[in-house]
Amino acid sequence: MVPVLLVIAVMWVVEVVDLLTPFSLDVFGIRPREVDHLAGIVLSPFLHAGFGHLLANTTALVVLGSLLALATRHLWIVTAGVIVVGGLGVWLTGAPNSVHIGASGLVYGYAAFLAVYGFVARHLKTAMVGVLVIVLYGSMLWGVLPLQAGVSWQGHLFGAVAGALLAVGLGRRDRR
């Protein structure tokens, strides 16, 4: 769980710096199809639209990140893969002149990974964790649809797609 808490601590430090300095760090989020802002793919999960946004993501990251860390040995691979693949999906498909920030893509990636991995790896205990995630977080499915203005449904969708793809790839490998 220490790595999960470390990632979350960095998010909180960045948000405090964003609040206490005259700089608006949120401009460093994902700016779709702007080559000069490719770094936003990696930076966006650490940027949030205030403490309410960060707190919502923190709660889910603690639960899902801890389950991922305890159930598999793939925390860092999944984290990096979801950030890069999910962020690239947002960069390619997001609305022009928009900025996407927040760790919810990572939350969706963790949830999708946990929901799929145990079944693909054919590991009963991890599959039961997946069932638990589906029961507790299944309503998140609505977040991948463009239903709420100002919410990056692309971040949710591509985070989940990245998590599921990583679950299939790593699950197949671990099954062997």
C-alpha atoms as a PDB file:
ATOM      1  CA  MET A   1       0.000   0.000   0.000  1.00  0.00           C
ATOM      2  CA  VAL A   2       2.958   2.340   0.475  1.00  0.00           C
ATOM      3  CA  PRO A   3       3.369   2.971  -3.291  1.00  0.00           C
ATOM      4  CA  VAL A   4      -0.330   3.829  -3.586  1.00  0.00           C
ATOM      5  CA  LEU A   5      -0.093   6.275  -0.700  1.00  0.00           C
ATOM      6  CA  LEU A   6       3.061   7.770  -2.224  1.00  0.00           C
ATOM      7  CA  VAL A   7       1.307   8.484  -5.543  1.00  0.00           C
ATOM      8  CA  ILE A   8      -1.643  10.017  -3.692  1.00  0.00           C
ATOM      9  CA  ALA A   9       0.696  12.132  -1.544  1.00  0.00           C
ATOM     10  CA  VAL A  10       2.276  13.566  -4.704  1.00  0.00           C
ATOM     11  CA  MET A  11      -1.215  14.477  -5.967  1.00  0.00           C
ATOM     12  CA  TRP A  12      -1.981  16.301  -2.713  1.00  0.00           C
ATOM     13  CA  VAL A  13       1.349  18.161  -2.731  1.00  0.00           C
ATOM     14  CA  VAL A  14       0.747  19.277  -6.317  1.00  0.00           C
ATOM     15  CA  GLU A  15      -2.747  20.529  -5.426  1.00  0.00           C
ATOM     16  CA  VAL A  16      -1.421  22.466  -2.419  1.00  0.00           C
ATOM     17  CA  VAL A  17       1.279  24.035  -4.618  1.00  0.00           C
ATOM     18  CA  ASP A  18      -1.400  24.861  -7.206  1.00  0.00           C
ATOM     19  CA  LEU A  19      -3.463  26.571  -4.499  1.00  0.00           C
ATOM     20  CA  LEU A  20      -0.642  28.463  -2.786  1.00  0.00           C
ATOM     21  CA  THR A  21       1.205  29.779  -5.832  1.00  0.00           C
ATOM     22  CA  PRO A  22       0.051  32.244  -8.480  1.00  0.00           C
ATOM     23  CA  PHE A  23       0.577  29.615 -11.174  1.00  0.00           C
ATOM     24  CA  SER A  24      -2.319  27.589 -12.502  1.00  0.00           C
ATOM     25  CA  LEU A  25      -0.790  24.141 -12.825  1.00  0.00           C
ATOM     26  CA  ASP A  26      -3.987  22.774 -14.366  1.00  0.00           C
ATOM     27  CA  VAL A  27      -2.933  24.224 -17.724  1.00  0.00           C
ATOM     28  CA  PHE A  28      -0.428  21.352 -17.881  1.00  0.00           C
ATOM     29  CA  GLY A  29      -3.212  18.780 -18.298  1.00  0.00           C
ATOM     30  CA  ILE A  30      -4.016  16.930 -21.498  1.00  0.00           C
ATOM     31  CA  ARG A  31      -4.703  19.304 -24.385  1.00  0.00           C
ATOM     32  CA  PRO A  32      -6.074  17.105 -27.178  1.00  0.00           C
ATOM     33  CA  ARG A  33      -3.963  16.907 -30.309  1.00  0.00           C
ATOM     34  CA  GLU A  34      -1.609  19.715 -29.220  1.00  0.00           C
ATOM     35  CA  VAL A  35       1.861  18.267 -29.781  1.00  0.00           C
ATOM     36  CA  ASP A  36       3.440  20.920 -27.538  1.00  0.00           C
ATOM     37  CA  HIS A  37       1.383  19.545 -24.634  1.00  0.00           C
ATOM     38  CA  LEU A  38       2.116  15.816 -24.903  1.00  0.00           C
ATOM     39  CA  ALA A  39       3.606  15.978 -21.402  1.00  0.00           C
ATOM     40  CA  GLY A  40       0.041  16.512 -20.160  1.00  0.00           C
ATOM     41  CA  ILE A  41      -0.584  12.809 -20.737  1.00  0.00           C
ATOM     42  CA  VAL A  42       1.739  12.011 -17.825  1.00  0.00           C
ATOM     43  CA  LEU A  43       1.033  15.117 -15.729  1.00  0.00           C
ATOM     44  CA  SER A  44      -2.778  15.156 -15.856  1.00  0.00           C
ATOM     45  CA  PRO A  45      -3.435  12.489 -13.164  1.00  0.00           C
ATOM     46  CA  PHE A  46      -1.560  14.661 -10.660  1.00  0.00           C
ATOM     47  CA  LEU A  47      -3.634  17.793 -11.399  1.00  0.00           C
ATOM     48  CA  HIS A  48      -7.112  18.383  -9.987  1.00  0.00           C
ATOM     49  CA  ALA A  49      -9.828  21.034 -10.103  1.00  0.00           C
ATOM     50  CA  GLY A  50      -9.719  21.670  -6.373  1.00  0.00           C
ATOM     51  CA  PHE A  51      -9.702  19.613  -3.212  1.00  0.00           C
ATOM     52  CA  GLY A  52     -13.215  18.183  -3.729  1.00  0.00           C
ATOM     53  CA  HIS A  53     -12.125  16.663  -7.031  1.00  0.00           C
ATOM     54  CA  LEU A  54      -8.908  15.371  -5.469  1.00  0.00           C
ATOM     55  CA  LEU A  55     -10.707  13.916  -2.444  1.00  0.00           C
ATOM     56  CA  ALA A  56     -13.166  12.014  -4.655  1.00  0.00           C
ATOM     57  CA  ASN A  57     -10.275  10.468  -6.591  1.00  0.00           C
ATOM     58  CA  THR A  58      -8.225   9.833  -3.444  1.00  0.00           C
ATOM     59  CA  THR A  59     -10.899   7.681  -1.820  1.00  0.00           C
ATOM     60  CA  ALA A  60     -11.267   5.440  -4.866  1.00  0.00           C
ATOM     61  CA  LEU A  61      -7.492   5.291  -5.429  1.00  0.00           C
ATOM     62  CA  VAL A  62      -6.855   4.180  -1.851  1.00  0.00           C
ATOM     63  CA  VAL A  63      -9.389   1.346  -2.130  1.00  0.00           C
ATOM     64  CA  LEU A  64      -8.688   0.203  -5.687  1.00  0.00           C
ATOM     65  CA  GLY A  65      -4.940   0.841  -5.576  1.00  0.00           C
ATOM     66  CA  SER A  66      -4.630  -1.105  -2.347  1.00  0.00           C
ATOM     67  CA  LEU A  67      -6.624  -4.014  -3.788  1.00  0.00           C
ATOM     68  CA  LEU A  68      -4.423  -3.961  -6.886  1.00  0.00           C
ATOM     69  CA  ALA A  69      -1.227  -3.871  -4.819  1.00  0.00           C
ATOM     70  CA  LEU A  70      -2.401  -6.670  -2.527  1.00  0.00           C
ATOM     71  CA  ALA A  71      -3.923  -8.908  -5.216  1.00  0.00           C
ATOM     72  CA  THR A  72      -1.195  -8.681  -7.885  1.00  0.00           C
ATOM     73  CA  ARG A  73       2.411  -7.670  -8.343  1.00  0.00           C
ATOM     74  CA  HIS A  74       1.539  -5.335 -11.212  1.00  0.00           C
ATOM     75  CA  LEU A  75       0.817  -2.016  -9.502  1.00  0.00           C
ATOM     76  CA  TRP A  76       3.522   0.014 -11.245  1.00  0.00           C
ATOM     77  CA  ILE A  77       2.987  -1.536 -14.684  1.00  0.00           C
ATOM     78  CA  VAL A  78      -0.765  -0.945 -14.462  1.00  0.00           C
ATOM     79  CA  THR A  79      -0.315   2.588 -13.140  1.00  0.00           C
ATOM     80  CA  ALA A  80       2.126   3.580 -15.883  1.00  0.00           C
ATOM     81  CA  GLY A  81       0.173   1.762 -18.597  1.00  0.00           C
ATOM     82  CA  VAL A  82      -3.155   3.318 -17.667  1.00  0.00           C
ATOM     83  CA  ILE A  83      -1.643   6.795 -17.448  1.00  0.00           C
ATOM     84  CA  VAL A  84       0.096   6.553 -20.828  1.00  0.00           C
ATOM     85  CA  VAL A  85      -2.419   4.513 -22.858  1.00  0.00           C
ATOM     86  CA  GLY A  86      -5.484   6.129 -21.297  1.00  0.00           C
ATOM     87  CA  GLY A  87      -3.960   9.599 -21.603  1.00  0.00           C
ATOM     88  CA  LEU A  88      -3.059   9.002 -25.232  1.00  0.00           C
ATOM     89  CA  GLY A  89      -6.676   8.012 -25.917  1.00  0.00           C
ATOM     90  CA  VAL A  90      -7.843  11.293 -24.366  1.00  0.00           C
ATOM     91  CA  TRP A  91      -5.208  13.240 -26.296  1.00  0.00           C
ATOM     92  CA  LEU A  92      -6.406  11.692 -29.571  1.00  0.00           C
ATOM     93  CA  THR A  93     -10.168  12.008 -29.004  1.00  0.00           C
ATOM     94  CA  GLY A  94     -10.788  14.862 -26.558  1.00  0.00           C
ATOM     95  CA  ALA A  95     -12.629  18.002 -27.609  1.00  0.00           C
ATOM     96  CA  PRO A  96     -10.497  20.708 -29.221  1.00  0.00           C
ATOM     97  CA  ASN A  97      -9.470  23.579 -26.928  1.00  0.00           C
ATOM     98  CA  SER A  98     -10.177  21.552 -23.791  1.00  0.00           C
ATOM     99  CA  VAL A  99      -7.912  20.590 -20.901  1.00  0.00           C
ATOM    100  CA  HIS A 100      -8.344  17.225 -19.157  1.00  0.00           C
ATOM    101  CA  ILE A 101      -7.088  16.828 -15.594  1.00  0.00           C
ATOM    102  CA  GLY A 102      -7.561  14.422 -12.695  1.00  0.00           C
ATOM    103  CA  ALA A 103      -6.833  10.869 -11.650  1.00  0.00           C
ATOM    104  CA  SER A 104     -10.243   9.444 -12.484  1.00  0.00           C
ATOM    105  CA  GLY A 105      -8.817   7.755 -15.591  1.00  0.00           C
ATOM    106  CA  LEU A 106      -6.441   5.950 -13.247  1.00  0.00           C
ATOM    107  CA  VAL A 107      -9.367   5.023 -10.988  1.00  0.00           C
ATOM    108  CA  TYR A 108     -11.262   3.573 -13.954  1.00  0.00           C
ATOM    109  CA  GLY A 109      -8.117   1.779 -15.122  1.00  0.00           C
ATOM    110  CA  TYR A 110      -7.577   0.176 -11.718  1.00  0.00           C
ATOM    111  CA  ALA A 111     -11.238  -0.874 -11.517  1.00  0.00           C
ATOM    112  CA  ALA A 112     -11.256  -2.388 -15.009  1.00  0.00           C
ATOM    113  CA  PHE A 113      -7.957  -4.171 -14.395  1.00  0.00           C
ATOM    114  CA  LEU A 114      -9.221  -5.711 -11.160  1.00  0.00           C
ATOM    115  CA  ALA A 115     -12.553  -6.692 -12.720  1.00  0.00           C
ATOM    116  CA  VAL A 116     -10.850  -8.566 -15.582  1.00  0.00           C
ATOM    117  CA  TYR A 117      -7.435  -9.780 -14.419  1.00  0.00           C
ATOM    118  CA  GLY A 118      -8.413 -12.623 -12.043  1.00  0.00           C
ATOM    119  CA  PHE A 119     -10.662 -14.224 -14.621  1.00  0.00           C
ATOM    120  CA  VAL A 120      -8.066 -14.055 -17.392  1.00  0.00           C
ATOM    121  CA  ALA A 121      -5.284 -15.293 -15.098  1.00  0.00           C
ATOM    122  CA  ARG A 122      -7.659 -18.006 -13.811  1.00  0.00           C
ATOM    123  CA  HIS A 123      -6.794 -17.154 -10.238  1.00  0.00           C
ATOM    124  CA  LEU A 124      -9.765 -17.654  -7.916  1.00  0.00           C
ATOM    125  CA  LYS A 125      -8.842 -15.204  -5.143  1.00  0.00           C
ATOM    126  CA  THR A 126      -8.057 -12.428  -7.590  1.00  0.00           C
ATOM    127  CA  ALA A 127     -11.237 -13.170  -9.537  1.00  0.00           C
ATOM    128  CA  MET A 128     -13.183 -12.793  -6.281  1.00  0.00           C
ATOM    129  CA  VAL A 129     -11.533  -9.385  -5.821  1.00  0.00           C
ATOM    130  CA  GLY A 130     -12.772  -8.573  -9.326  1.00  0.00           C
ATOM    131  CA  VAL A 131     -16.310  -9.558  -8.390  1.00  0.00           C
ATOM    132  CA  LEU A 132     -16.081  -7.349  -5.300  1.00  0.00           C
ATOM    133  CA  VAL A 133     -14.918  -4.415  -7.446  1.00  0.00           C
ATOM    134  CA  ILE A 134     -17.786  -4.962  -9.881  1.00  0.00           C
ATOM    135  CA  VAL A 135     -20.295  -5.021  -7.020  1.00  0.00           C
ATOM    136  CA  LEU A 136     -18.862  -1.956  -5.272  1.00  0.00           C
ATOM    137  CA  TYR A 137     -17.904   0.127  -8.294  1.00  0.00           C
ATOM    138  CA  GLY A 138     -20.150  -1.183 -11.085  1.00  0.00           C
ATOM    139  CA  SER A 139     -22.112   2.053 -11.206  1.00  0.00           C
ATOM    140  CA  MET A 140     -18.950   3.758 -12.457  1.00  0.00           C
ATOM    141  CA  LEU A 141     -19.875   2.354 -15.854  1.00  0.00           C
ATOM    142  CA  TRP A 142     -22.082   5.408 -16.444  1.00  0.00           C
ATOM    143  CA  GLY A 143     -18.985   7.618 -16.228  1.00  0.00           C
ATOM    144  CA  VAL A 144     -17.709   6.415 -19.601  1.00  0.00           C
ATOM    145  CA  LEU A 145     -20.683   8.065 -21.309  1.00  0.00           C
ATOM    146  CA  PRO A 146     -20.831  11.779 -22.197  1.00  0.00           C
ATOM    147  CA  LEU A 147     -23.626  12.504 -19.718  1.00  0.00           C
ATOM    148  CA  GLN A 148     -22.170  15.295 -17.564  1.00  0.00           C
ATOM    149  CA  ALA A 149     -20.690  18.531 -18.881  1.00  0.00           C
ATOM    150  CA  GLY A 150     -17.209  19.279 -17.610  1.00  0.00           C
ATOM    151  CA  VAL A 151     -16.419  15.636 -16.848  1.00  0.00           C
ATOM    152  CA  SER A 152     -13.830  13.903 -19.014  1.00  0.00           C
ATOM    153  CA  TRP A 153     -15.759  10.825 -20.040  1.00  0.00           C
ATOM    154  CA  GLN A 154     -12.878  10.171 -22.457  1.00  0.00           C
ATOM    155  CA  GLY A 155     -10.526   9.935 -19.478  1.00  0.00           C
ATOM    156  CA  HIS A 156     -12.851   7.436 -17.819  1.00  0.00           C
ATOM    157  CA  LEU A 157     -13.379   5.414 -21.000  1.00  0.00           C
ATOM    158  CA  PHE A 158      -9.751   5.205 -22.076  1.00  0.00           C
ATOM    159  CA  GLY A 159      -8.558   4.608 -18.517  1.00  0.00           C
ATOM    160  CA  ALA A 160     -10.930   1.628 -18.341  1.00  0.00           C
ATOM    161  CA  VAL A 161      -9.904   0.379 -21.787  1.00  0.00           C
ATOM    162  CA  ALA A 162      -6.225   0.604 -20.828  1.00  0.00           C
ATOM    163  CA  GLY A 163      -6.871  -1.243 -17.552  1.00  0.00           C
ATOM    164  CA  ALA A 164      -8.804  -4.010 -19.306  1.00  0.00           C
ATOM    165  CA  LEU A 165      -6.142  -4.415 -22.013  1.00  0.00           C
ATOM    166  CA  LEU A 166      -3.402  -4.625 -19.383  1.00  0.00           C
ATOM    167  CA  ALA A 167      -5.473  -7.184 -17.447  1.00  0.00           C
ATOM    168  CA  VAL A 168      -5.814  -9.391 -20.501  1.00  0.00           C
ATOM    169  CA  GLY A 169      -2.131  -9.130 -21.429  1.00  0.00           C
ATOM    170  CA  LEU A 170      -0.753  -9.608 -17.924  1.00  0.00           C
ATOM    171  CA  GLY A 171      -3.404 -12.168 -16.999  1.00  0.00           C
ATOM    172  CA  ARG A 172      -2.541 -14.346 -20.003  1.00  0.00           C
ATOM    173  CA  ARG A 173       1.148 -14.072 -19.206  1.00  0.00           C
ATOM    174  CA  ASP A 174       0.614 -14.931 -15.532  1.00  0.00           C
ATOM    175  CA  ARG A 175      -1.637 -17.863 -16.396  1.00  0.00           C
ATOM    176  CA  ARG A 176       1.262 -19.534 -18.186  1.00  0.00           C
END
